[in-house]
């Protein structure tokens, strides 16, 4: 990519000890594999699915984008709630 901007595949600026908490997700956004790419136990997946359903009840199934004054945007999407979590190893 010749244009400037954020490239999520660029690892140069990442903290070396921080890694995503979950490696794979199902079609709804529920984690299925941990940071080491091992499958999560079924009871953990069901707990995470319950948390996702609770979040959907709070904010709804729709995606909401709120633009702030400085150009920053806040995205409310329940399916993204587990994707930004990191672990330090």
N, C-alpha and C. Protein backbone atom coordinates (compact mmCIF):
# COMPACT_ATOMS: atom_id res chain seq x y z
N UNK A 1 0.84 -1.18 0.00
CA UNK A 1 0.00 0.00 0.00
C UNK A 1 0.89 1.24 0.00
N UNK A 2 0.78 2.03 -1.02
CA UNK A 2 1.59 3.23 -1.15
C UNK A 2 1.00 4.41 -0.37
N UNK A 3 -0.33 4.42 -0.16
CA UNK A 3 -0.93 5.54 0.54
C UNK A 3 -0.66 5.43 2.03
N UNK A 4 -0.73 6.56 2.70
CA UNK A 4 -0.47 6.58 4.13
C UNK A 4 -1.73 6.22 4.89
N UNK A 5 -1.55 5.78 6.11
CA UNK A 5 -2.69 5.44 6.96
C UNK A 5 -2.37 4.24 7.81
N UNK A 6 -3.36 3.78 8.54
CA UNK A 6 -3.17 2.66 9.44
C UNK A 6 -3.18 1.35 8.67
N UNK A 7 -2.18 0.52 8.90
CA UNK A 7 -2.09 -0.80 8.29
C UNK A 7 -2.14 -1.83 9.42
N UNK A 8 -3.25 -2.57 9.58
CA UNK A 8 -3.36 -3.51 10.70
C UNK A 8 -2.38 -4.68 10.62
N UNK A 9 -1.80 -4.92 9.46
CA UNK A 9 -0.84 -6.03 9.33
C UNK A 9 0.57 -5.60 9.66
N UNK A 10 0.80 -4.33 9.90
CA UNK A 10 2.13 -3.82 10.22
C UNK A 10 2.42 -4.05 11.70
N UNK A 11 3.40 -4.89 11.99
CA UNK A 11 3.70 -5.25 13.38
C UNK A 11 4.82 -4.42 13.98
N UNK A 12 5.39 -3.48 13.26
CA UNK A 12 6.54 -2.72 13.76
C UNK A 12 6.24 -1.95 15.03
N UNK A 13 5.04 -1.41 15.16
CA UNK A 13 4.72 -0.52 16.27
C UNK A 13 4.03 -1.23 17.43
N UNK A 14 3.82 -2.52 17.29
CA UNK A 14 3.18 -3.27 18.37
C UNK A 14 4.13 -3.50 19.52
N UNK A 15 3.59 -3.53 20.69
CA UNK A 15 4.39 -3.90 21.86
C UNK A 15 4.75 -5.37 21.71
N UNK A 16 5.99 -5.71 21.94
CA UNK A 16 6.44 -7.07 21.68
C UNK A 16 5.83 -8.10 22.62
N UNK A 17 5.43 -7.69 23.82
CA UNK A 17 4.89 -8.65 24.78
C UNK A 17 3.38 -8.75 24.74
N UNK A 18 2.69 -7.88 24.00
CA UNK A 18 1.24 -7.91 23.95
C UNK A 18 0.76 -8.71 22.74
N UNK A 19 -0.15 -9.63 23.00
CA UNK A 19 -0.69 -10.48 21.95
C UNK A 19 -2.22 -10.53 22.10
N UNK A 20 -2.94 -10.77 21.01
CA UNK A 20 -4.40 -10.86 21.12
C UNK A 20 -4.80 -11.98 22.07
N UNK A 21 -5.82 -11.75 22.88
CA UNK A 21 -6.27 -12.75 23.84
C UNK A 21 -6.93 -13.93 23.14
N UNK A 22 -7.62 -13.66 22.04
CA UNK A 22 -8.30 -14.71 21.29
C UNK A 22 -7.80 -14.70 19.85
N UNK A 23 -7.58 -15.91 19.29
CA UNK A 23 -7.01 -16.02 17.95
C UNK A 23 -8.07 -16.17 16.86
N UNK A 24 -9.15 -16.89 17.15
CA UNK A 24 -10.19 -17.13 16.14
C UNK A 24 -11.55 -16.88 16.74
N UNK A 25 -12.49 -16.49 15.86
CA UNK A 25 -13.85 -16.15 16.28
C UNK A 25 -14.84 -16.84 15.34
N UNK A 26 -16.06 -17.09 15.84
CA UNK A 26 -17.09 -17.62 14.95
C UNK A 26 -17.75 -16.47 14.19
N UNK A 27 -18.78 -16.77 13.42
CA UNK A 27 -19.40 -15.74 12.57
C UNK A 27 -20.12 -14.66 13.35
N UNK A 28 -20.46 -14.93 14.62
CA UNK A 28 -21.12 -13.92 15.45
C UNK A 28 -20.14 -13.05 16.22
N UNK A 29 -18.86 -13.44 16.25
CA UNK A 29 -17.86 -12.67 16.98
C UNK A 29 -17.48 -13.28 18.32
N UNK A 30 -17.96 -14.50 18.60
CA UNK A 30 -17.62 -15.19 19.85
C UNK A 30 -16.28 -15.90 19.67
N UNK A 31 -15.34 -15.71 20.60
CA UNK A 31 -14.04 -16.36 20.48
C UNK A 31 -14.16 -17.89 20.53
N UNK A 32 -13.35 -18.57 19.71
CA UNK A 32 -13.33 -20.03 19.69
C UNK A 32 -11.95 -20.59 20.02
N UNK A 33 -10.90 -19.77 19.87
CA UNK A 33 -9.53 -20.22 20.14
C UNK A 33 -8.80 -19.18 20.98
N UNK A 34 -7.93 -19.65 21.88
CA UNK A 34 -7.20 -18.75 22.76
C UNK A 34 -5.98 -18.15 22.06
N UNK A 35 -5.15 -17.44 22.81
CA UNK A 35 -4.00 -16.74 22.25
C UNK A 35 -2.97 -17.68 21.64
N UNK A 36 -2.96 -18.95 22.11
CA UNK A 36 -2.02 -19.94 21.58
C UNK A 36 -2.64 -20.77 20.46
N UNK A 37 -3.81 -20.36 19.96
CA UNK A 37 -4.56 -21.01 18.89
C UNK A 37 -5.08 -22.38 19.31
N UNK A 38 -5.31 -22.56 20.61
CA UNK A 38 -5.90 -23.80 21.14
C UNK A 38 -7.41 -23.57 21.27
N UNK A 39 -8.23 -24.57 20.94
CA UNK A 39 -9.69 -24.41 21.08
C UNK A 39 -10.08 -24.14 22.53
N UNK A 40 -11.02 -23.24 22.72
CA UNK A 40 -11.53 -22.94 24.05
C UNK A 40 -12.49 -24.05 24.48
N UNK A 41 -12.56 -24.33 25.77
CA UNK A 41 -13.55 -25.31 26.26
C UNK A 41 -14.97 -24.83 25.97
N UNK A 42 -15.88 -25.78 25.79
CA UNK A 42 -17.26 -25.45 25.44
C UNK A 42 -17.92 -24.56 26.48
N UNK A 43 -17.61 -24.78 27.78
CA UNK A 43 -18.24 -23.96 28.82
C UNK A 43 -17.76 -22.51 28.75
N UNK A 44 -16.48 -22.29 28.36
CA UNK A 44 -15.98 -20.92 28.20
C UNK A 44 -16.65 -20.23 27.02
N UNK A 45 -16.82 -20.97 25.93
CA UNK A 45 -17.49 -20.40 24.75
C UNK A 45 -18.92 -20.03 25.09
N UNK A 46 -19.61 -20.88 25.85
CA UNK A 46 -21.00 -20.57 26.20
C UNK A 46 -21.07 -19.34 27.12
N UNK A 47 -20.10 -19.18 28.05
CA UNK A 47 -20.07 -17.99 28.89
C UNK A 47 -19.83 -16.73 28.06
N UNK A 48 -18.92 -16.82 27.10
CA UNK A 48 -18.64 -15.67 26.23
C UNK A 48 -19.85 -15.35 25.35
N UNK A 49 -20.55 -16.38 24.90
CA UNK A 49 -21.76 -16.17 24.09
C UNK A 49 -22.83 -15.45 24.90
N UNK A 50 -22.96 -15.80 26.19
CA UNK A 50 -23.93 -15.14 27.07
C UNK A 50 -23.55 -13.67 27.25
N UNK A 51 -22.24 -13.39 27.42
CA UNK A 51 -21.79 -12.00 27.53
C UNK A 51 -22.11 -11.21 26.27
N UNK A 52 -21.92 -11.84 25.10
CA UNK A 52 -22.22 -11.18 23.83
C UNK A 52 -23.72 -10.89 23.71
N UNK A 53 -24.54 -11.85 24.08
CA UNK A 53 -25.99 -11.64 24.01
C UNK A 53 -26.42 -10.51 24.95
N UNK A 54 -25.81 -10.44 26.12
CA UNK A 54 -26.12 -9.36 27.06
C UNK A 54 -25.74 -8.00 26.48
N UNK A 55 -24.58 -7.94 25.84
CA UNK A 55 -24.13 -6.69 25.20
C UNK A 55 -25.07 -6.31 24.06
N UNK A 56 -25.54 -7.31 23.30
CA UNK A 56 -26.49 -7.03 22.21
C UNK A 56 -27.80 -6.47 22.76
N UNK A 57 -28.23 -6.98 23.92
CA UNK A 57 -29.45 -6.45 24.54
C UNK A 57 -29.27 -5.01 24.98
N UNK A 58 -28.04 -4.66 25.41
CA UNK A 58 -27.76 -3.30 25.87
C UNK A 58 -27.71 -2.30 24.72
N UNK A 59 -26.98 -2.65 23.64
CA UNK A 59 -26.78 -1.68 22.56
C UNK A 59 -27.55 -2.01 21.29
N UNK A 60 -28.17 -3.18 21.23
CA UNK A 60 -28.92 -3.56 20.04
C UNK A 60 -28.04 -4.32 19.05
N UNK A 61 -28.68 -4.87 18.03
CA UNK A 61 -27.96 -5.66 17.03
C UNK A 61 -27.31 -4.79 15.97
N UNK A 62 -27.70 -3.54 15.88
CA UNK A 62 -27.18 -2.67 14.84
C UNK A 62 -25.80 -2.13 15.19
N UNK A 63 -25.10 -1.68 14.16
CA UNK A 63 -23.81 -1.03 14.34
C UNK A 63 -24.05 0.47 14.38
N UNK A 64 -23.55 1.12 15.44
CA UNK A 64 -23.72 2.55 15.59
C UNK A 64 -22.35 3.22 15.52
N UNK A 65 -22.23 4.22 14.65
CA UNK A 65 -20.99 4.98 14.53
C UNK A 65 -21.27 6.41 14.96
N UNK A 66 -20.51 6.89 15.95
CA UNK A 66 -20.67 8.25 16.45
C UNK A 66 -19.40 9.02 16.14
N UNK A 67 -19.54 10.10 15.36
CA UNK A 67 -18.38 10.94 15.01
C UNK A 67 -18.21 12.01 16.08
N UNK A 68 -16.99 12.16 16.57
CA UNK A 68 -16.68 13.18 17.57
C UNK A 68 -16.07 14.39 16.89
N UNK A 69 -15.84 15.44 17.64
CA UNK A 69 -15.36 16.71 17.07
C UNK A 69 -14.00 16.61 16.40
N UNK A 70 -13.07 15.87 16.97
CA UNK A 70 -11.72 15.80 16.43
C UNK A 70 -11.56 14.82 15.28
N UNK A 71 -12.65 14.30 14.76
CA UNK A 71 -12.58 13.34 13.68
C UNK A 71 -12.56 11.90 14.17
N UNK A 72 -12.48 11.73 15.48
CA UNK A 72 -12.49 10.39 16.06
C UNK A 72 -13.89 9.81 15.95
N UNK A 73 -13.97 8.49 15.78
CA UNK A 73 -15.27 7.82 15.68
C UNK A 73 -15.36 6.73 16.73
N UNK A 74 -16.54 6.62 17.32
CA UNK A 74 -16.82 5.56 18.28
C UNK A 74 -17.76 4.58 17.59
N UNK A 75 -17.36 3.32 17.54
CA UNK A 75 -18.16 2.29 16.88
C UNK A 75 -18.72 1.37 17.96
N UNK A 76 -20.03 1.28 18.04
CA UNK A 76 -20.70 0.36 18.96
C UNK A 76 -21.20 -0.83 18.16
N UNK A 77 -20.49 -1.94 18.29
CA UNK A 77 -20.86 -3.17 17.60
C UNK A 77 -20.55 -4.32 18.58
N UNK A 78 -21.58 -5.03 19.00
CA UNK A 78 -21.40 -6.08 20.00
C UNK A 78 -20.46 -7.18 19.50
N UNK A 79 -20.42 -7.43 18.21
CA UNK A 79 -19.58 -8.52 17.69
C UNK A 79 -18.10 -8.21 17.78
N UNK A 80 -17.73 -6.95 18.08
CA UNK A 80 -16.32 -6.57 18.19
C UNK A 80 -15.83 -6.51 19.63
N UNK A 81 -16.66 -6.86 20.59
CA UNK A 81 -16.32 -6.64 21.99
C UNK A 81 -15.13 -7.47 22.49
N UNK A 82 -14.83 -8.61 21.88
CA UNK A 82 -13.73 -9.45 22.32
C UNK A 82 -12.46 -9.25 21.49
N UNK A 83 -12.51 -8.49 20.43
CA UNK A 83 -11.39 -8.40 19.49
C UNK A 83 -10.24 -7.52 19.93
N UNK A 84 -10.46 -6.58 20.81
CA UNK A 84 -9.38 -5.69 21.23
C UNK A 84 -8.65 -6.12 22.49
N UNK A 85 -9.03 -7.26 23.04
CA UNK A 85 -8.42 -7.71 24.29
C UNK A 85 -7.03 -8.29 24.03
N UNK A 86 -6.08 -7.97 24.91
CA UNK A 86 -4.71 -8.47 24.75
C UNK A 86 -4.24 -9.13 26.04
N UNK A 87 -3.24 -9.99 25.89
CA UNK A 87 -2.58 -10.61 27.05
C UNK A 87 -1.09 -10.30 26.93
N UNK A 88 -0.43 -10.24 28.05
CA UNK A 88 1.02 -10.00 28.07
C UNK A 88 1.70 -11.32 28.37
N UNK A 89 2.61 -11.71 27.47
CA UNK A 89 3.36 -12.95 27.71
C UNK A 89 4.79 -12.76 27.34
